[in-house]
Full PDB file with SEQRES, HELIX, SHEET, SSBOND, CRYST1, ORIGX, SCALE, CONECT and MASTER records, all heavy atoms in Angstrom:
SEQRES   1 A   38  ALA ALA PHE ARG PHE GLU LEU ARG GLU ASP GLY LEU PRO          
SEQRES   2 A   38  GLU LEU LEU PRO GLN ALA HIS GLY LEU GLY VAL ASP GLY          
SEQRES   3 A   38  ALA CYS ARG PRO CYS SER ASP THR GLU LEU LEU LEU              
HELIX    1 AA1 PRO A   17  HIS A   20  1                                   4    
HELIX    2 AA2 ASP A   33  LEU A   37  1                                   5    
CRYST1    1.000    1.000    1.000  90.00  90.00  90.00 P 1           1          
ORIGX1      1.000000  0.000000  0.000000        0.00000                         
ORIGX2      0.000000  1.000000  0.000000        0.00000                         
ORIGX3      0.000000  0.000000  1.000000        0.00000                         
SCALE1      1.000000  0.000000  0.000000        0.00000                         
SCALE2      0.000000  1.000000  0.000000        0.00000                         
SCALE3      0.000000  0.000000  1.000000        0.00000                         
ATOM      1  N   ALA A   1       0.894  -1.160  -0.001  1.00  0.00           N  
ATOM      2  CA  ALA A   1      -0.007   0.009  -0.026  1.00  0.00           C  
ATOM      3  C   ALA A   1       0.908   1.217   0.003  1.00  0.00           C  
ATOM      4  O   ALA A   1       1.512   1.552   1.022  1.00  0.00           O  
ATOM      5  CB  ALA A   1      -0.919  -0.027   1.203  1.00  0.00           C  
ATOM      6  N   ALA A   2       1.016   1.887  -1.138  1.00  0.00           N  
ATOM      7  CA  ALA A   2       1.992   2.998  -1.293  1.00  0.00           C  
ATOM      8  C   ALA A   2       1.209   4.177  -1.970  1.00  0.00           C  
ATOM      9  O   ALA A   2       0.406   3.979  -2.840  1.00  0.00           O  
ATOM     10  CB  ALA A   2       3.226   2.643  -2.092  1.00  0.00           C  
ATOM     11  N   PHE A   3       1.595   5.374  -1.476  1.00  0.00           N  
ATOM     12  CA  PHE A   3       0.938   6.578  -2.074  1.00  0.00           C  
ATOM     13  C   PHE A   3       1.907   7.759  -1.896  1.00  0.00           C  
ATOM     14  O   PHE A   3       2.745   7.814  -0.980  1.00  0.00           O  
ATOM     15  CB  PHE A   3      -0.424   6.830  -1.492  1.00  0.00           C  
ATOM     16  CG  PHE A   3      -0.433   7.063  -0.044  1.00  0.00           C  
ATOM     17  CD1 PHE A   3      -0.225   8.319   0.493  1.00  0.00           C  
ATOM     18  CD2 PHE A   3      -0.648   5.968   0.852  1.00  0.00           C  
ATOM     19  CE1 PHE A   3      -0.259   8.568   1.967  1.00  0.00           C  
ATOM     20  CE2 PHE A   3      -0.685   6.199   2.224  1.00  0.00           C  
ATOM     21  CZ  PHE A   3      -0.460   7.478   2.751  1.00  0.00           C  
ATOM     22  N   ARG A   4       1.709   8.721  -2.791  1.00  0.00           N  
ATOM     23  CA  ARG A   4       2.292  10.059  -2.618  1.00  0.00           C  
ATOM     24  C   ARG A   4       1.311  10.971  -1.953  1.00  0.00           C  
ATOM     25  O   ARG A   4       0.089  10.810  -2.106  1.00  0.00           O  
ATOM     26  CB  ARG A   4       2.693  10.648  -3.975  1.00  0.00           C  
ATOM     27  CG  ARG A   4       3.780   9.861  -4.743  1.00  0.00           C  
ATOM     28  CD  ARG A   4       3.908  10.326  -6.133  1.00  0.00           C  
ATOM     29  NE  ARG A   4       4.277  11.719  -6.280  1.00  0.00           N  
ATOM     30  CZ  ARG A   4       4.179  12.458  -7.373  1.00  0.00           C  
ATOM     31  NH1 ARG A   4       3.762  11.951  -8.518  1.00  0.00           N  
ATOM     32  NH2 ARG A   4       4.533  13.764  -7.399  1.00  0.00           N  
ATOM     33  N   PHE A   5       1.757  11.996  -1.293  1.00  0.00           N  
ATOM     34  CA  PHE A   5       0.905  12.906  -0.596  1.00  0.00           C  
ATOM     35  C   PHE A   5       1.407  14.330  -0.801  1.00  0.00           C  
ATOM     36  O   PHE A   5       2.590  14.607  -0.969  1.00  0.00           O  
ATOM     37  CB  PHE A   5       0.715  12.635   0.907  1.00  0.00           C  
ATOM     38  CG  PHE A   5       1.887  12.957   1.726  1.00  0.00           C  
ATOM     39  CD1 PHE A   5       2.085  14.264   2.267  1.00  0.00           C  
ATOM     40  CD2 PHE A   5       2.807  11.995   2.061  1.00  0.00           C  
ATOM     41  CE1 PHE A   5       3.217  14.496   3.059  1.00  0.00           C  
ATOM     42  CE2 PHE A   5       3.882  12.277   2.871  1.00  0.00           C  
ATOM     43  CZ  PHE A   5       4.064  13.537   3.317  1.00  0.00           C  
ATOM     44  N   GLU A   6       0.482  15.281  -0.821  1.00  0.00           N  
ATOM     45  CA  GLU A   6       0.714  16.702  -0.851  1.00  0.00           C  
ATOM     46  C   GLU A   6      -0.183  17.348   0.247  1.00  0.00           C  
ATOM     47  O   GLU A   6      -1.346  17.041   0.261  1.00  0.00           O  
ATOM     48  CB  GLU A   6       0.424  17.395  -2.199  1.00  0.00           C  
ATOM     49  CG  GLU A   6       1.459  17.234  -3.227  1.00  0.00           C  
ATOM     50  CD  GLU A   6       1.099  18.115  -4.494  1.00  0.00           C  
ATOM     51  OE1 GLU A   6      -0.028  18.541  -4.571  1.00  0.00           O  
ATOM     52  OE2 GLU A   6       2.020  18.233  -5.320  1.00  0.00           O  
ATOM     53  N   LEU A   7       0.399  18.195   0.997  1.00  0.00           N  
ATOM     54  CA  LEU A   7      -0.318  19.010   2.017  1.00  0.00           C  
ATOM     55  C   LEU A   7      -0.172  20.487   1.773  1.00  0.00           C  
ATOM     56  O   LEU A   7       0.926  20.952   1.657  1.00  0.00           O  
ATOM     57  CB  LEU A   7       0.136  18.554   3.380  1.00  0.00           C  
ATOM     58  CG  LEU A   7      -0.523  19.335   4.523  1.00  0.00           C  
ATOM     59  CD1 LEU A   7      -1.999  18.932   4.670  1.00  0.00           C  
ATOM     60  CD2 LEU A   7       0.161  18.985   5.877  1.00  0.00           C  
ATOM     61  N   ARG A   8      -1.244  21.140   1.667  1.00  0.00           N  
ATOM     62  CA  ARG A   8      -1.203  22.562   1.424  1.00  0.00           C  
ATOM     63  C   ARG A   8      -2.197  23.236   2.404  1.00  0.00           C  
ATOM     64  O   ARG A   8      -3.311  22.746   2.606  1.00  0.00           O  
ATOM     65  CB  ARG A   8      -1.608  22.945  -0.026  1.00  0.00           C  
ATOM     66  CG  ARG A   8      -0.641  22.393  -1.036  1.00  0.00           C  
ATOM     67  CD  ARG A   8      -1.150  22.584  -2.384  1.00  0.00           C  
ATOM     68  NE  ARG A   8      -1.181  23.954  -2.745  1.00  0.00           N  
ATOM     69  CZ  ARG A   8      -1.599  24.389  -3.925  1.00  0.00           C  
ATOM     70  NH1 ARG A   8      -1.964  23.505  -4.923  1.00  0.00           N  
ATOM     71  NH2 ARG A   8      -1.747  25.682  -4.239  1.00  0.00           N  
ATOM     72  N   GLU A   9      -1.763  24.359   2.956  1.00  0.00           N  
ATOM     73  CA  GLU A   9      -2.656  25.152   3.773  1.00  0.00           C  
ATOM     74  C   GLU A   9      -3.531  26.032   2.843  1.00  0.00           C  
ATOM     75  O   GLU A   9      -3.036  26.621   1.882  1.00  0.00           O  
ATOM     76  CB  GLU A   9      -1.922  26.069   4.767  1.00  0.00           C  
ATOM     77  CG  GLU A   9      -1.274  25.285   5.894  1.00  0.00           C  
ATOM     78  CD  GLU A   9      -0.832  26.192   7.035  1.00  0.00           C  
ATOM     79  OE1 GLU A   9      -0.692  27.395   6.815  1.00  0.00           O  
ATOM     80  OE2 GLU A   9      -0.745  25.663   8.203  1.00  0.00           O  
ATOM     81  N   ASP A  10      -4.818  26.098   3.152  1.00  0.00           N  
ATOM     82  CA  ASP A  10      -5.790  26.689   2.191  1.00  0.00           C  
ATOM     83  C   ASP A  10      -5.805  28.155   2.382  1.00  0.00           C  
ATOM     84  O   ASP A  10      -5.662  28.930   1.470  1.00  0.00           O  
ATOM     85  CB  ASP A  10      -7.086  25.982   2.391  1.00  0.00           C  
ATOM     86  CG  ASP A  10      -8.240  26.522   1.589  1.00  0.00           C  
ATOM     87  OD1 ASP A  10      -7.949  27.360   0.744  1.00  0.00           O  
ATOM     88  OD2 ASP A  10      -9.327  26.115   1.711  1.00  0.00           O  
ATOM     89  N   GLY A  11      -6.172  28.594   3.518  1.00  0.00           N  
ATOM     90  CA  GLY A  11      -6.361  30.040   3.810  1.00  0.00           C  
ATOM     91  C   GLY A  11      -7.659  30.608   3.315  1.00  0.00           C  
ATOM     92  O   GLY A  11      -7.969  31.757   3.438  1.00  0.00           O  
ATOM     93  N   LEU A  12      -8.483  29.715   2.703  1.00  0.00           N  
ATOM     94  CA  LEU A  12      -9.846  30.165   2.136  1.00  0.00           C  
ATOM     95  C   LEU A  12     -10.884  29.542   3.003  1.00  0.00           C  
ATOM     96  O   LEU A  12     -10.826  28.411   3.443  1.00  0.00           O  
ATOM     97  CB  LEU A  12      -9.981  29.737   0.727  1.00  0.00           C  
ATOM     98  CG  LEU A  12      -8.976  30.286  -0.314  1.00  0.00           C  
ATOM     99  CD1 LEU A  12      -9.115  29.680  -1.679  1.00  0.00           C  
ATOM    100  CD2 LEU A  12      -9.033  31.820  -0.374  1.00  0.00           C  
ATOM    101  N   PRO A  13     -11.977  30.277   3.261  1.00  0.00           N  
ATOM    102  CA  PRO A  13     -13.098  29.696   4.020  1.00  0.00           C  
ATOM    103  C   PRO A  13     -13.703  28.491   3.382  1.00  0.00           C  
ATOM    104  O   PRO A  13     -14.220  27.599   4.037  1.00  0.00           O  
ATOM    105  CB  PRO A  13     -14.058  30.886   4.191  1.00  0.00           C  
ATOM    106  CG  PRO A  13     -13.795  31.770   3.014  1.00  0.00           C  
ATOM    107  CD  PRO A  13     -12.291  31.646   2.779  1.00  0.00           C  
ATOM    108  N   GLU A  14     -13.759  28.489   2.035  1.00  0.00           N  
ATOM    109  CA  GLU A  14     -14.353  27.365   1.339  1.00  0.00           C  
ATOM    110  C   GLU A  14     -13.552  27.026   0.125  1.00  0.00           C  
ATOM    111  O   GLU A  14     -12.788  27.872  -0.434  1.00  0.00           O  
ATOM    112  CB  GLU A  14     -15.785  27.795   0.812  1.00  0.00           C  
ATOM    113  CG  GLU A  14     -16.791  27.968   2.021  1.00  0.00           C  
ATOM    114  CD  GLU A  14     -17.053  26.728   2.730  1.00  0.00           C  
ATOM    115  OE1 GLU A  14     -16.876  25.601   2.239  1.00  0.00           O  
ATOM    116  OE2 GLU A  14     -17.467  26.861   3.965  1.00  0.00           O  
ATOM    117  N   LEU A  15     -13.657  25.789  -0.355  1.00  0.00           N  
ATOM    118  CA  LEU A  15     -13.027  25.363  -1.592  1.00  0.00           C  
ATOM    119  C   LEU A  15     -14.119  24.708  -2.495  1.00  0.00           C  
ATOM    120  O   LEU A  15     -15.007  24.083  -1.987  1.00  0.00           O  
ATOM    121  CB  LEU A  15     -11.940  24.319  -1.279  1.00  0.00           C  
ATOM    122  CG  LEU A  15     -10.524  24.801  -1.133  1.00  0.00           C  
ATOM    123  CD1 LEU A  15      -9.631  23.552  -1.007  1.00  0.00           C  
ATOM    124  CD2 LEU A  15     -10.025  25.645  -2.363  1.00  0.00           C  
ATOM    125  N   LEU A  16     -14.008  25.004  -3.737  1.00  0.00           N  
ATOM    126  CA  LEU A  16     -14.978  24.349  -4.733  1.00  0.00           C  
ATOM    127  C   LEU A  16     -14.610  22.870  -4.706  1.00  0.00           C  
ATOM    128  O   LEU A  16     -13.462  22.446  -4.528  1.00  0.00           O  
ATOM    129  CB  LEU A  16     -14.693  24.912  -6.084  1.00  0.00           C  
ATOM    130  CG  LEU A  16     -14.653  26.455  -6.254  1.00  0.00           C  
ATOM    131  CD1 LEU A  16     -14.576  26.787  -7.785  1.00  0.00           C  
ATOM    132  CD2 LEU A  16     -15.939  27.054  -5.755  1.00  0.00           C  
ATOM    133  N   PRO A  17     -15.625  22.067  -4.992  1.00  0.00           N  
ATOM    134  CA  PRO A  17     -15.423  20.616  -5.130  1.00  0.00           C  
ATOM    135  C   PRO A  17     -14.338  20.376  -6.172  1.00  0.00           C  
ATOM    136  O   PRO A  17     -13.504  19.394  -6.051  1.00  0.00           O  
ATOM    137  CB  PRO A  17     -16.795  20.044  -5.517  1.00  0.00           C  
ATOM    138  CG  PRO A  17     -17.762  21.060  -5.002  1.00  0.00           C  
ATOM    139  CD  PRO A  17     -17.049  22.353  -5.066  1.00  0.00           C  
ATOM    140  N   GLN A  18     -14.294  21.150  -7.229  1.00  0.00           N  
ATOM    141  CA  GLN A  18     -13.357  20.980  -8.243  1.00  0.00           C  
ATOM    142  C   GLN A  18     -11.928  21.115  -7.791  1.00  0.00           C  
ATOM    143  O   GLN A  18     -10.964  20.707  -8.421  1.00  0.00           O  
ATOM    144  CB  GLN A  18     -13.660  21.880  -9.446  1.00  0.00           C  
ATOM    145  CG  GLN A  18     -14.972  21.561 -10.180  1.00  0.00           C  
ATOM    146  CD  GLN A  18     -16.135  22.272  -9.518  1.00  0.00           C  
ATOM    147  OE1 GLN A  18     -16.043  22.721  -8.362  1.00  0.00           O  
ATOM    148  NE2 GLN A  18     -17.201  22.460 -10.237  1.00  0.00           N  
ATOM    149  N   ALA A  19     -11.758  21.934  -6.777  1.00  0.00           N  
ATOM    150  CA  ALA A  19     -10.392  22.247  -6.328  1.00  0.00           C  
ATOM    151  C   ALA A  19      -9.729  20.999  -5.725  1.00  0.00           C  
ATOM    152  O   ALA A  19      -8.492  20.922  -5.714  1.00  0.00           O  
ATOM    153  CB  ALA A  19     -10.443  23.394  -5.209  1.00  0.00           C  
ATOM    154  N   HIS A  20     -10.460  20.043  -5.282  1.00  0.00           N  
ATOM    155  CA  HIS A  20      -9.908  18.819  -4.713  1.00  0.00           C  
ATOM    156  C   HIS A  20      -9.338  18.008  -5.822  1.00  0.00           C  
ATOM    157  O   HIS A  20      -8.368  17.251  -5.548  1.00  0.00           O  
ATOM    158  CB  HIS A  20     -10.960  18.103  -3.948  1.00  0.00           C  
ATOM    159  CG  HIS A  20     -11.446  18.812  -2.703  1.00  0.00           C  
ATOM    160  ND1 HIS A  20     -12.525  18.465  -1.979  1.00  0.00           N  
ATOM    161  CD2 HIS A  20     -10.966  19.952  -2.117  1.00  0.00           C  
ATOM    162  CE1 HIS A  20     -12.679  19.246  -0.998  1.00  0.00           C  
ATOM    163  NE2 HIS A  20     -11.708  20.185  -1.028  1.00  0.00           N  
ATOM    164  N   GLY A  21      -9.870  18.006  -7.020  1.00  0.00           N  
ATOM    165  CA  GLY A  21      -9.314  17.262  -8.114  1.00  0.00           C  
ATOM    166  C   GLY A  21      -9.227  15.799  -7.829  1.00  0.00           C  
ATOM    167  O   GLY A  21      -9.821  15.225  -6.880  1.00  0.00           O  
ATOM    168  N   LEU A  22      -8.566  15.060  -8.685  1.00  0.00           N  
ATOM    169  CA  LEU A  22      -8.253  13.640  -8.505  1.00  0.00           C  
ATOM    170  C   LEU A  22      -9.487  12.788  -8.371  1.00  0.00           C  
ATOM    171  O   LEU A  22      -9.556  11.824  -7.584  1.00  0.00           O  
ATOM    172  CB  LEU A  22      -7.288  13.440  -7.374  1.00  0.00           C  
ATOM    173  CG  LEU A  22      -5.933  14.110  -7.522  1.00  0.00           C  
ATOM    174  CD1 LEU A  22      -5.099  13.883  -6.281  1.00  0.00           C  
ATOM    175  CD2 LEU A  22      -5.213  13.676  -8.733  1.00  0.00           C  
ATOM    176  N   GLY A  23     -10.573  13.220  -8.962  1.00  0.00           N  
ATOM    177  CA  GLY A  23     -11.709  12.295  -9.037  1.00  0.00           C  
ATOM    178  C   GLY A  23     -12.726  12.363  -7.900  1.00  0.00           C  
ATOM    179  O   GLY A  23     -13.451  11.416  -7.650  1.00  0.00           O  
ATOM    180  N   VAL A  24     -12.712  13.404  -7.090  1.00  0.00           N  
ATOM    181  CA  VAL A  24     -13.685  13.472  -5.973  1.00  0.00           C  
ATOM    182  C   VAL A  24     -15.074  13.734  -6.470  1.00  0.00           C  
ATOM    183  O   VAL A  24     -15.293  14.165  -7.615  1.00  0.00           O  
ATOM    184  CB  VAL A  24     -13.235  14.517  -4.925  1.00  0.00           C  
ATOM    185  CG1 VAL A  24     -11.839  14.169  -4.374  1.00  0.00           C  
ATOM    186  CG2 VAL A  24     -13.216  15.901  -5.541  1.00  0.00           C  
ATOM    187  N   ASP A  25     -16.006  13.539  -5.587  1.00  0.00           N  
ATOM    188  CA  ASP A  25     -17.430  13.826  -5.946  1.00  0.00           C  
ATOM    189  C   ASP A  25     -17.583  15.282  -6.198  1.00  0.00           C  
ATOM    190  O   ASP A  25     -17.094  16.182  -5.508  1.00  0.00           O  
ATOM    191  CB  ASP A  25     -18.366  13.418  -4.780  1.00  0.00           C  
ATOM    192  CG  ASP A  25     -18.339  11.938  -4.579  1.00  0.00           C  
ATOM    193  OD1 ASP A  25     -17.972  11.224  -5.515  1.00  0.00           O  
ATOM    194  OD2 ASP A  25     -18.649  11.486  -3.474  1.00  0.00           O  
ATOM    195  N   GLY A  26     -18.320  15.634  -7.245  1.00  0.00           N  
ATOM    196  CA  GLY A  26     -18.523  17.074  -7.523  1.00  0.00           C  
ATOM    197  C   GLY A  26     -17.531  17.636  -8.513  1.00  0.00           C  
ATOM    198  O   GLY A  26     -17.669  18.770  -8.939  1.00  0.00           O  
ATOM    199  N   ALA A  27     -16.486  16.910  -8.820  1.00  0.00           N  
ATOM    200  CA  ALA A  27     -15.418  17.414  -9.665  1.00  0.00           C  
ATOM    201  C   ALA A  27     -15.925  17.654 -11.070  1.00  0.00           C  
ATOM    202  O   ALA A  27     -15.269  18.443 -11.816  1.00  0.00           O  
ATOM    203  CB  ALA A  27     -14.230  16.533  -9.719  1.00  0.00           C  
ATOM    204  N   CYS A  28     -17.027  17.020 -11.531  1.00  0.00           N  
ATOM    205  CA  CYS A  28     -17.452  17.142 -12.896  1.00  0.00           C  
ATOM    206  C   CYS A  28     -18.546  18.183 -13.172  1.00  0.00           C  
ATOM    207  O   CYS A  28     -18.797  18.501 -14.310  1.00  0.00           O  
ATOM    208  CB  CYS A  28     -17.948  15.724 -13.458  1.00  0.00           C  
ATOM    209  SG  CYS A  28     -16.712  14.464 -13.350  1.00  0.00           S  
ATOM    210  N   ARG A  29     -19.207  18.585 -12.133  1.00  0.00           N  
ATOM    211  CA  ARG A  29     -20.353  19.501 -12.329  1.00  0.00           C  
ATOM    212  C   ARG A  29     -19.953  20.810 -12.780  1.00  0.00           C  
ATOM    213  O   ARG A  29     -18.841  21.337 -12.400  1.00  0.00           O  
ATOM    214  CB  ARG A  29     -21.185  19.505 -11.095  1.00  0.00           C  
ATOM    215  CG  ARG A  29     -20.550  20.340  -9.920  1.00  0.00           C  
ATOM    216  CD  ARG A  29     -21.549  20.556  -8.844  1.00  0.00           C  
ATOM    217  NE  ARG A  29     -21.010  21.250  -7.672  1.00  0.00           N  
ATOM    218  CZ  ARG A  29     -20.776  22.568  -7.583  1.00  0.00           C  
ATOM    219  NH1 ARG A  29     -21.056  23.297  -8.667  1.00  0.00           N  
ATOM    220  NH2 ARG A  29     -20.257  23.111  -6.526  1.00  0.00           N  
ATOM    221  N   PRO A  30     -20.727  21.533 -13.511  1.00  0.00           N  
ATOM    222  CA  PRO A  30     -20.349  22.871 -14.054  1.00  0.00           C  
ATOM    223  C   PRO A  30     -20.285  23.835 -12.837  1.00  0.00           C  
ATOM    224  O   PRO A  30     -20.998  23.691 -11.835  1.00  0.00           O  
ATOM    225  CB  PRO A  30     -21.583  23.251 -14.915  1.00  0.00           C  
ATOM    226  CG  PRO A  30     -22.129  21.974 -15.391  1.00  0.00           C  
ATOM    227  CD  PRO A  30     -21.977  20.997 -14.179  1.00  0.00           C  
ATOM    228  N   CYS A  31     -19.491  24.872 -12.993  1.00  0.00           N  
ATOM    229  CA  CYS A  31     -19.330  25.935 -11.958  1.00  0.00           C  
ATOM    230  C   CYS A  31     -20.412  26.917 -12.055  1.00  0.00           C  
ATOM    231  O   CYS A  31     -20.835  27.325 -13.226  1.00  0.00           O  
ATOM    232  CB  CYS A  31     -17.927  26.597 -12.017  1.00  0.00           C  
ATOM    233  SG  CYS A  31     -16.583  25.513 -11.773  1.00  0.00           S  
ATOM    234  N   SER A  32     -20.938  27.382 -10.930  1.00  0.00           N  
ATOM    235  CA  SER A  32     -21.916  28.454 -10.943  1.00  0.00           C  
ATOM    236  C   SER A  32     -21.107  29.774 -11.276  1.00  0.00           C  
ATOM    237  O   SER A  32     -19.944  29.830 -11.264  1.00  0.00           O  
ATOM    238  CB  SER A  32     -22.632  28.591  -9.593  1.00  0.00           C  
ATOM    239  OG  SER A  32     -21.664  28.930  -8.561  1.00  0.00           O  
ATOM    240  N   ASP A  33     -21.917  30.818 -11.469  1.00  0.00           N  
ATOM    241  CA  ASP A  33     -21.293  32.155 -11.736  1.00  0.00           C  
ATOM    242  C   ASP A  33     -20.424  32.618 -10.577  1.00  0.00           C  
ATOM    243  O   ASP A  33     -19.375  33.066 -10.694  1.00  0.00           O  
ATOM    244  CB  ASP A  33     -22.414  33.198 -11.998  1.00  0.00           C  
ATOM    245  CG  ASP A  33     -23.092  33.041 -13.360  1.00  0.00           C  
ATOM    246  OD1 ASP A  33     -22.597  32.161 -14.085  1.00  0.00           O  
ATOM    247  OD2 ASP A  33     -24.022  33.759 -13.680  1.00  0.00           O  
ATOM    248  N   THR A  34     -20.942  32.375  -9.363  1.00  0.00           N  
ATOM    249  CA  THR A  34     -20.134  32.768  -8.162  1.00  0.00           C  
ATOM    250  C   THR A  34     -18.848  31.939  -8.074  1.00  0.00           C  
ATOM    251  O   THR A  34     -17.765  32.456  -7.766  1.00  0.00           O  
ATOM    252  CB  THR A  34     -21.031  32.526  -6.872  1.00  0.00           C  
ATOM    253  OG1 THR A  34     -22.168  33.340  -6.952  1.00  0.00           O  
ATOM    254  CG2 THR A  34     -20.165  32.908  -5.608  1.00  0.00           C  
ATOM    255  N   GLU A  35     -18.957  30.659  -8.419  1.00  0.00           N  
ATOM    256  CA  GLU A  35     -17.811  29.820  -8.355  1.00  0.00           C  
ATOM    257  C   GLU A  35     -16.817  30.165  -9.439  1.00  0.00           C  
ATOM    258  O   GLU A  35     -15.579  30.114  -9.250  1.00  0.00           O  
ATOM    259  CB  GLU A  35     -18.185  28.305  -8.497  1.00  0.00           C  
ATOM    260  CG  GLU A  35     -18.907  27.841  -7.251  1.00  0.00           C  
ATOM    261  CD  GLU A  35     -19.483  26.443  -7.444  1.00  0.00           C  
ATOM    262  OE1 GLU A  35     -19.776  26.045  -8.574  1.00  0.00           O  
ATOM    263  OE2 GLU A  35     -19.718  25.699  -6.450  1.00  0.00           O  
ATOM    264  N   LEU A  36     -17.279  30.590 -10.592  1.00  0.00           N  
ATOM    265  CA  LEU A  36     -16.373  31.027 -11.713  1.00  0.00           C  
ATOM    266  C   LEU A  36     -15.493  32.164 -11.267  1.00  0.00           C  
ATOM    267  O   LEU A  36     -14.326  32.160 -11.405  1.00  0.00           O  
ATOM    268  CB  LEU A  36     -17.180  31.437 -12.938  1.00  0.00           C  
ATOM    269  CG  LEU A  36     -17.943  30.231 -13.712  1.00  0.00           C  
ATOM    270  CD1 LEU A  36     -18.664  30.895 -14.891  1.00  0.00           C  
ATOM    271  CD2 LEU A  36     -16.932  29.273 -14.175  1.00  0.00           C  
ATOM    272  N   LEU A  37     -16.135  33.190 -10.648  1.00  0.00           N  
ATOM    273  CA  LEU A  37     -15.463  34.403 -10.176  1.00  0.00           C  
ATOM    274  C   LEU A  37     -14.470  34.005  -9.096  1.00  0.00           C  
ATOM    275  O   LEU A  37     -13.360  34.542  -9.033  1.00  0.00           O  
ATOM    276  CB  LEU A  37     -16.484  35.399  -9.736  1.00  0.00           C  
ATOM    277  CG  LEU A  37     -17.399  35.898 -10.874  1.00  0.00           C  
ATOM    278  CD1 LEU A  37     -18.492  36.805 -10.293  1.00  0.00           C  
ATOM    279  CD2 LEU A  37     -16.660  36.620 -11.985  1.00  0.00           C  
ATOM    280  N   LEU A  38     -14.913  33.202  -8.205  1.00  0.00           N  
ATOM    281  CA  LEU A  38     -14.029  32.780  -7.042  1.00  0.00           C  
ATOM    282  C   LEU A  38     -12.828  31.980  -7.580  1.00  0.00           C  
ATOM    283  O   LEU A  38     -11.659  32.258  -7.177  1.00  0.00           O  
ATOM    284  CB  LEU A  38     -14.729  31.889  -6.050  1.00  0.00           C  
ATOM    285  CG  LEU A  38     -13.955  31.401  -4.863  1.00  0.00           C  
ATOM    286  CD1 LEU A  38     -13.365  32.565  -4.027  1.00  0.00           C  
ATOM    287  CD2 LEU A  38     -14.799  30.529  -4.024  1.00  0.00           C  
TER     288      LEU A  38                                                      
MASTER        0    0    0    2    0    0    0    6  287    1    0    3          
END                                                                             
């Protein structure tokens, strides 16, 4: 059982589901206008 990891401090109150990347739930749905600007 082997894996690479990356750890980053966010600094943002929220993250879009797409920000998680790598196949998480919500990664495929279109962004809303608010999410586009963010």
